């Protein structure tokens, strides 16, 4: 299975917002450290969120951050990946 860095709870909550609002995820879908993995987003959302691998790499490069907004490079990578 996927091993990853265990982040602050806020990171996982922010990722849930990304999933619900933008349909993307920066946490690998099979990451066992994500306590919100099995959470159902909405009944109308049948597609899986798009996994942003380079944003996940950027997140792993900063394992001590407490919020995605702390790192401008992570925020930029997320939106860059979405627009690509």
Protein backbone atom coordinates (compact mmCIF):
# COMPACT_ATOMS: atom_id res chain seq x y z
CA UNK A 1 0.00 0.00 0.00
CA UNK A 2 0.87 3.65 -0.29
CA UNK A 3 3.04 5.03 2.48
CA UNK A 4 3.08 8.75 2.97
CA UNK A 5 3.95 11.49 5.36
CA UNK A 6 1.48 11.99 8.20
CA UNK A 7 0.44 15.65 8.13
CA UNK A 8 -1.39 17.93 10.54
CA UNK A 9 -5.18 17.42 10.61
CA UNK A 10 -5.65 20.83 8.94
CA UNK A 11 -3.86 19.61 5.78
CA UNK A 12 -6.33 16.74 5.44
CA UNK A 13 -9.26 19.09 6.04
CA UNK A 14 -7.97 21.48 3.38
CA UNK A 15 -7.57 18.55 0.99
CA UNK A 16 -11.18 17.59 1.63
CA UNK A 17 -12.21 21.11 0.61
CA UNK A 18 -10.13 20.76 -2.58
CA UNK A 19 -11.92 17.48 -3.31
CA UNK A 20 -15.39 18.91 -2.70
CA UNK A 21 -14.96 22.30 -4.38
CA UNK A 22 -12.40 21.74 -7.12
CA UNK A 23 -12.53 17.97 -7.66
CA UNK A 24 -8.78 17.51 -7.05
CA UNK A 25 -6.66 15.92 -4.34
CA UNK A 26 -3.04 16.45 -3.30
CA UNK A 27 -3.11 13.46 -0.94
CA UNK A 28 -2.72 10.15 -2.77
CA UNK A 29 -6.08 8.34 -2.82
CA UNK A 30 -4.53 5.21 -1.25
CA UNK A 31 -2.59 7.04 1.50
CA UNK A 32 -3.35 5.27 4.78
CA UNK A 33 -2.45 8.37 6.79
CA UNK A 34 -5.46 10.32 5.49
CA UNK A 35 -8.20 9.92 8.12
CA UNK A 36 -10.79 11.32 5.67
CA UNK A 37 -10.15 8.80 2.85
CA UNK A 38 -13.44 6.94 3.07
CA UNK A 39 -15.58 10.04 3.56
CA UNK A 40 -18.33 10.39 0.97
CA UNK A 41 -18.22 13.78 -0.74
CA UNK A 42 -21.71 14.09 -2.19
CA UNK A 43 -24.26 11.77 -3.67
CA UNK A 44 -24.15 13.60 -6.99
CA UNK A 45 -20.36 13.33 -7.33
CA UNK A 46 -19.66 10.01 -8.99
CA UNK A 47 -16.19 10.72 -10.36
CA UNK A 48 -13.00 10.41 -8.37
CA UNK A 49 -11.03 13.58 -7.63
CA UNK A 50 -8.05 14.19 -9.91
CA UNK A 51 -4.81 13.34 -8.12
CA UNK A 52 -2.24 16.13 -8.49
CA UNK A 53 1.02 14.22 -8.23
CA UNK A 54 3.39 17.20 -8.46
CA UNK A 55 1.42 19.01 -5.75
CA UNK A 56 1.72 15.88 -3.58
CA UNK A 57 5.48 15.90 -4.17
CA UNK A 58 5.62 19.57 -3.16
CA UNK A 59 3.59 18.80 -0.03
CA UNK A 60 5.93 15.92 0.91
CA UNK A 61 8.92 18.25 0.51
CA UNK A 62 7.43 20.32 3.37
CA UNK A 63 6.26 17.68 5.89
CA UNK A 64 6.14 20.12 8.80
CA UNK A 65 3.66 22.61 7.36
CA UNK A 66 0.44 23.10 9.26
CA UNK A 67 -1.61 24.55 6.37
CA UNK A 68 -1.35 24.41 2.59
CA UNK A 69 -1.57 28.20 2.52
CA UNK A 70 1.75 28.40 4.39
CA UNK A 71 3.63 27.43 1.23
CA UNK A 72 3.05 29.65 -1.77
CA UNK A 73 4.86 27.13 -3.98
CA UNK A 74 2.37 24.40 -3.01
CA UNK A 75 -0.59 26.68 -3.66
CA UNK A 76 0.92 27.68 -7.03
CA UNK A 77 1.59 24.05 -7.95
CA UNK A 78 -2.02 23.06 -7.24
CA UNK A 79 -3.44 25.71 -9.53
CA UNK A 80 -0.76 25.24 -12.15
CA UNK A 81 -1.61 21.51 -12.31
CA UNK A 82 -5.32 22.29 -12.53
CA UNK A 83 -4.82 24.68 -15.44
CA UNK A 84 -2.44 22.39 -17.33
